[in-house]
Structures are given as C-alpha cells and as structure tokens.
N, C-alpha and C. Protein backbone atom coordinates (compact mmCIF):
# COMPACT_ATOMS: atom_id res chain seq x y z
N MET A 1 -9.44 -59.98 12.99
CA MET A 1 -10.38 -59.33 13.88
C MET A 1 -10.28 -57.81 13.73
N PHE A 2 -9.06 -57.29 13.72
CA PHE A 2 -8.85 -55.85 13.61
C PHE A 2 -9.40 -55.33 12.28
N VAL A 3 -9.21 -56.10 11.22
CA VAL A 3 -9.69 -55.70 9.90
C VAL A 3 -11.22 -55.62 9.90
N ASN A 4 -11.88 -56.57 10.54
CA ASN A 4 -13.35 -56.56 10.61
C ASN A 4 -13.86 -55.31 11.33
N VAL A 5 -13.22 -54.94 12.40
CA VAL A 5 -13.61 -53.75 13.15
C VAL A 5 -13.37 -52.51 12.30
N LEU A 6 -12.27 -52.47 11.62
CA LEU A 6 -11.95 -51.33 10.75
C LEU A 6 -12.98 -51.20 9.63
N VAL A 7 -13.38 -52.30 9.03
CA VAL A 7 -14.38 -52.27 7.97
C VAL A 7 -15.72 -51.78 8.52
N LEU A 8 -16.12 -52.24 9.68
CA LEU A 8 -17.37 -51.80 10.29
C LEU A 8 -17.35 -50.30 10.60
N LEU A 9 -16.23 -49.81 11.10
CA LEU A 9 -16.12 -48.38 11.38
C LEU A 9 -16.19 -47.55 10.10
N LEU A 10 -15.57 -48.04 9.07
CA LEU A 10 -15.61 -47.35 7.78
C LEU A 10 -17.04 -47.31 7.24
N LEU A 11 -17.75 -48.42 7.32
CA LEU A 11 -19.14 -48.46 6.87
C LEU A 11 -20.02 -47.52 7.68
N ALA A 12 -19.82 -47.48 8.98
CA ALA A 12 -20.60 -46.59 9.83
C ALA A 12 -20.35 -45.14 9.48
N THR A 13 -19.13 -44.81 9.15
CA THR A 13 -18.79 -43.43 8.76
C THR A 13 -19.46 -43.05 7.46
N VAL A 14 -19.44 -43.94 6.50
CA VAL A 14 -20.07 -43.66 5.21
C VAL A 14 -21.57 -43.47 5.37
N VAL A 15 -22.21 -44.32 6.15
CA VAL A 15 -23.65 -44.21 6.38
C VAL A 15 -23.97 -42.92 7.11
N ALA A 16 -23.18 -42.57 8.11
CA ALA A 16 -23.43 -41.35 8.87
C ALA A 16 -23.28 -40.11 8.00
N CYS A 17 -22.33 -40.10 7.12
CA CYS A 17 -22.14 -38.94 6.23
C CYS A 17 -23.31 -38.79 5.28
N GLY A 18 -23.78 -39.88 4.74
CA GLY A 18 -24.94 -39.81 3.85
C GLY A 18 -26.18 -39.36 4.58
N GLY A 19 -26.36 -39.82 5.79
CA GLY A 19 -27.52 -39.42 6.59
C GLY A 19 -27.48 -37.96 6.95
N SER A 20 -26.32 -37.45 7.29
CA SER A 20 -26.25 -36.04 7.67
C SER A 20 -26.44 -35.14 6.46
N ALA A 21 -25.99 -35.57 5.29
CA ALA A 21 -26.22 -34.78 4.07
C ALA A 21 -27.71 -34.77 3.75
N ALA A 22 -28.36 -35.91 3.87
CA ALA A 22 -29.80 -35.98 3.62
C ALA A 22 -30.54 -35.10 4.61
N TYR A 23 -30.12 -35.15 5.88
CA TYR A 23 -30.77 -34.31 6.90
C TYR A 23 -30.64 -32.83 6.55
N GLY A 24 -29.50 -32.43 6.00
CA GLY A 24 -29.31 -31.04 5.61
C GLY A 24 -30.30 -30.63 4.53
N HIS A 25 -30.55 -31.53 3.57
CA HIS A 25 -31.53 -31.23 2.52
C HIS A 25 -32.94 -31.18 3.09
N VAL A 26 -33.25 -32.09 4.00
CA VAL A 26 -34.58 -32.08 4.62
C VAL A 26 -34.78 -30.79 5.41
N SER A 27 -33.77 -30.39 6.15
CA SER A 27 -33.85 -29.16 6.93
C SER A 27 -34.07 -27.95 6.03
N SER A 28 -33.32 -27.88 4.93
CA SER A 28 -33.50 -26.79 3.97
C SER A 28 -34.89 -26.84 3.34
N GLY A 29 -35.35 -28.05 3.05
CA GLY A 29 -36.69 -28.22 2.50
C GLY A 29 -37.76 -27.77 3.48
N ASN A 30 -37.57 -28.09 4.74
CA ASN A 30 -38.53 -27.66 5.76
C ASN A 30 -38.58 -26.14 5.87
N ASP A 31 -37.42 -25.51 5.82
CA ASP A 31 -37.37 -24.05 5.87
C ASP A 31 -38.11 -23.44 4.67
N ALA A 32 -37.87 -24.01 3.48
CA ALA A 32 -38.54 -23.52 2.28
C ALA A 32 -40.05 -23.74 2.38
N TYR A 33 -40.44 -24.91 2.86
CA TYR A 33 -41.86 -25.23 3.01
C TYR A 33 -42.53 -24.24 3.97
N ASP A 34 -41.89 -24.01 5.09
CA ASP A 34 -42.44 -23.07 6.08
C ASP A 34 -42.55 -21.66 5.52
N GLY A 35 -41.68 -21.32 4.58
CA GLY A 35 -41.72 -20.01 3.94
C GLY A 35 -42.63 -19.95 2.73
N GLY A 36 -43.34 -21.03 2.44
CA GLY A 36 -44.26 -21.04 1.32
C GLY A 36 -43.60 -21.27 -0.03
N GLN A 37 -42.33 -21.63 -0.02
CA GLN A 37 -41.59 -21.90 -1.26
C GLN A 37 -41.62 -23.40 -1.54
N PHE A 38 -42.76 -23.87 -1.97
CA PHE A 38 -42.98 -25.31 -2.08
C PHE A 38 -42.16 -25.95 -3.19
N ASP A 39 -41.89 -25.20 -4.26
CA ASP A 39 -41.05 -25.75 -5.32
C ASP A 39 -39.62 -25.96 -4.84
N ASN A 40 -39.10 -25.02 -4.05
CA ASN A 40 -37.75 -25.19 -3.49
C ASN A 40 -37.73 -26.32 -2.47
N ALA A 41 -38.79 -26.42 -1.69
CA ALA A 41 -38.88 -27.52 -0.72
C ALA A 41 -38.85 -28.87 -1.43
N LEU A 42 -39.60 -28.96 -2.52
CA LEU A 42 -39.64 -30.21 -3.27
C LEU A 42 -38.27 -30.57 -3.81
N THR A 43 -37.54 -29.59 -4.30
CA THR A 43 -36.18 -29.84 -4.81
C THR A 43 -35.29 -30.40 -3.71
N GLU A 44 -35.35 -29.79 -2.53
CA GLU A 44 -34.52 -30.26 -1.41
C GLU A 44 -34.92 -31.66 -0.95
N TYR A 45 -36.22 -31.92 -0.88
CA TYR A 45 -36.67 -33.26 -0.47
C TYR A 45 -36.24 -34.32 -1.49
N ARG A 46 -36.27 -33.97 -2.75
CA ARG A 46 -35.84 -34.93 -3.78
C ARG A 46 -34.34 -35.20 -3.68
N LEU A 47 -33.56 -34.18 -3.36
CA LEU A 47 -32.12 -34.40 -3.16
C LEU A 47 -31.89 -35.32 -1.96
N ALA A 48 -32.66 -35.11 -0.91
CA ALA A 48 -32.54 -35.99 0.27
C ALA A 48 -32.95 -37.42 -0.09
N ALA A 49 -34.00 -37.55 -0.88
CA ALA A 49 -34.48 -38.89 -1.27
C ALA A 49 -33.45 -39.63 -2.12
N ASN A 50 -32.67 -38.89 -2.89
CA ASN A 50 -31.61 -39.54 -3.67
C ASN A 50 -30.56 -40.15 -2.75
N LEU A 51 -30.33 -39.53 -1.61
CA LEU A 51 -29.34 -40.04 -0.66
C LEU A 51 -29.90 -41.13 0.24
N MET A 52 -31.18 -41.04 0.55
CA MET A 52 -31.83 -42.02 1.44
C MET A 52 -33.19 -42.40 0.85
N PRO A 53 -33.19 -43.21 -0.20
CA PRO A 53 -34.44 -43.50 -0.92
C PRO A 53 -35.46 -44.32 -0.12
N ASP A 54 -35.06 -44.98 0.94
CA ASP A 54 -35.98 -45.83 1.70
C ASP A 54 -36.52 -45.15 2.95
N ASP A 55 -36.27 -43.86 3.11
CA ASP A 55 -36.72 -43.15 4.31
C ASP A 55 -38.16 -42.67 4.10
N PRO A 56 -39.11 -43.21 4.86
CA PRO A 56 -40.51 -42.84 4.65
C PRO A 56 -40.82 -41.39 5.02
N SER A 57 -40.08 -40.82 5.94
CA SER A 57 -40.37 -39.43 6.32
C SER A 57 -40.02 -38.47 5.18
N ILE A 58 -39.00 -38.81 4.40
CA ILE A 58 -38.64 -37.98 3.25
C ILE A 58 -39.73 -38.10 2.18
N ALA A 59 -40.24 -39.30 1.99
CA ALA A 59 -41.34 -39.49 1.03
C ALA A 59 -42.58 -38.71 1.47
N TYR A 60 -42.85 -38.70 2.76
CA TYR A 60 -43.99 -37.95 3.30
C TYR A 60 -43.83 -36.45 3.06
N ASP A 61 -42.64 -35.92 3.35
CA ASP A 61 -42.38 -34.50 3.12
C ASP A 61 -42.51 -34.15 1.64
N THR A 62 -42.02 -35.03 0.78
CA THR A 62 -42.12 -34.82 -0.66
C THR A 62 -43.59 -34.76 -1.08
N GLY A 63 -44.39 -35.66 -0.56
CA GLY A 63 -45.82 -35.67 -0.87
C GLY A 63 -46.52 -34.40 -0.41
N ASN A 64 -46.15 -33.92 0.77
CA ASN A 64 -46.74 -32.67 1.26
C ASN A 64 -46.39 -31.49 0.36
N ALA A 65 -45.15 -31.43 -0.09
CA ALA A 65 -44.73 -30.34 -0.98
C ALA A 65 -45.46 -30.44 -2.31
N LEU A 66 -45.60 -31.65 -2.85
CA LEU A 66 -46.32 -31.82 -4.11
C LEU A 66 -47.78 -31.39 -3.97
N HIS A 67 -48.38 -31.70 -2.84
CA HIS A 67 -49.77 -31.34 -2.59
C HIS A 67 -49.97 -29.82 -2.61
N ARG A 68 -48.96 -29.09 -2.17
CA ARG A 68 -49.07 -27.63 -2.08
C ARG A 68 -48.79 -26.92 -3.40
N LEU A 69 -48.25 -27.63 -4.38
CA LEU A 69 -47.95 -26.97 -5.66
C LEU A 69 -49.21 -26.72 -6.48
C-alpha cells in the first residue's frame, strides 16, 4: 500500500514539473506575442508543445503566432 502511494506521488510530481515548465514557455510566448515578436512567440509555444503535446490551448496559441508571421 505504501509503495502504491509513493509511486502515485512520484508520478504527480513529474507531471506537475512538466506542466509548470510548459506554462513558463507559454507565458514567455504570450509576452513575445504581445510585444509583436511573433517568431519568438512561436518558438516558445513549440517548446511548450514538446512538453505537453496534447494541450489544445498550446496548439491554439501556436496557430495564432503562425497566422501573424
């Protein structure tokens, strides 16, 4: 039982770290987008997508940046 709880906590930590790293890239991408630096925004969104490929909001942001290039 203790091992199962430990494994679940470890998995939650790994997922949370990946999510926060992706959020950092999205945040940087948003700042670049707001500043009109669409190529930099696209780079940041793609880095976020590598960490969280199934997140539709990252795909949406990527599409918006591509549209502005």
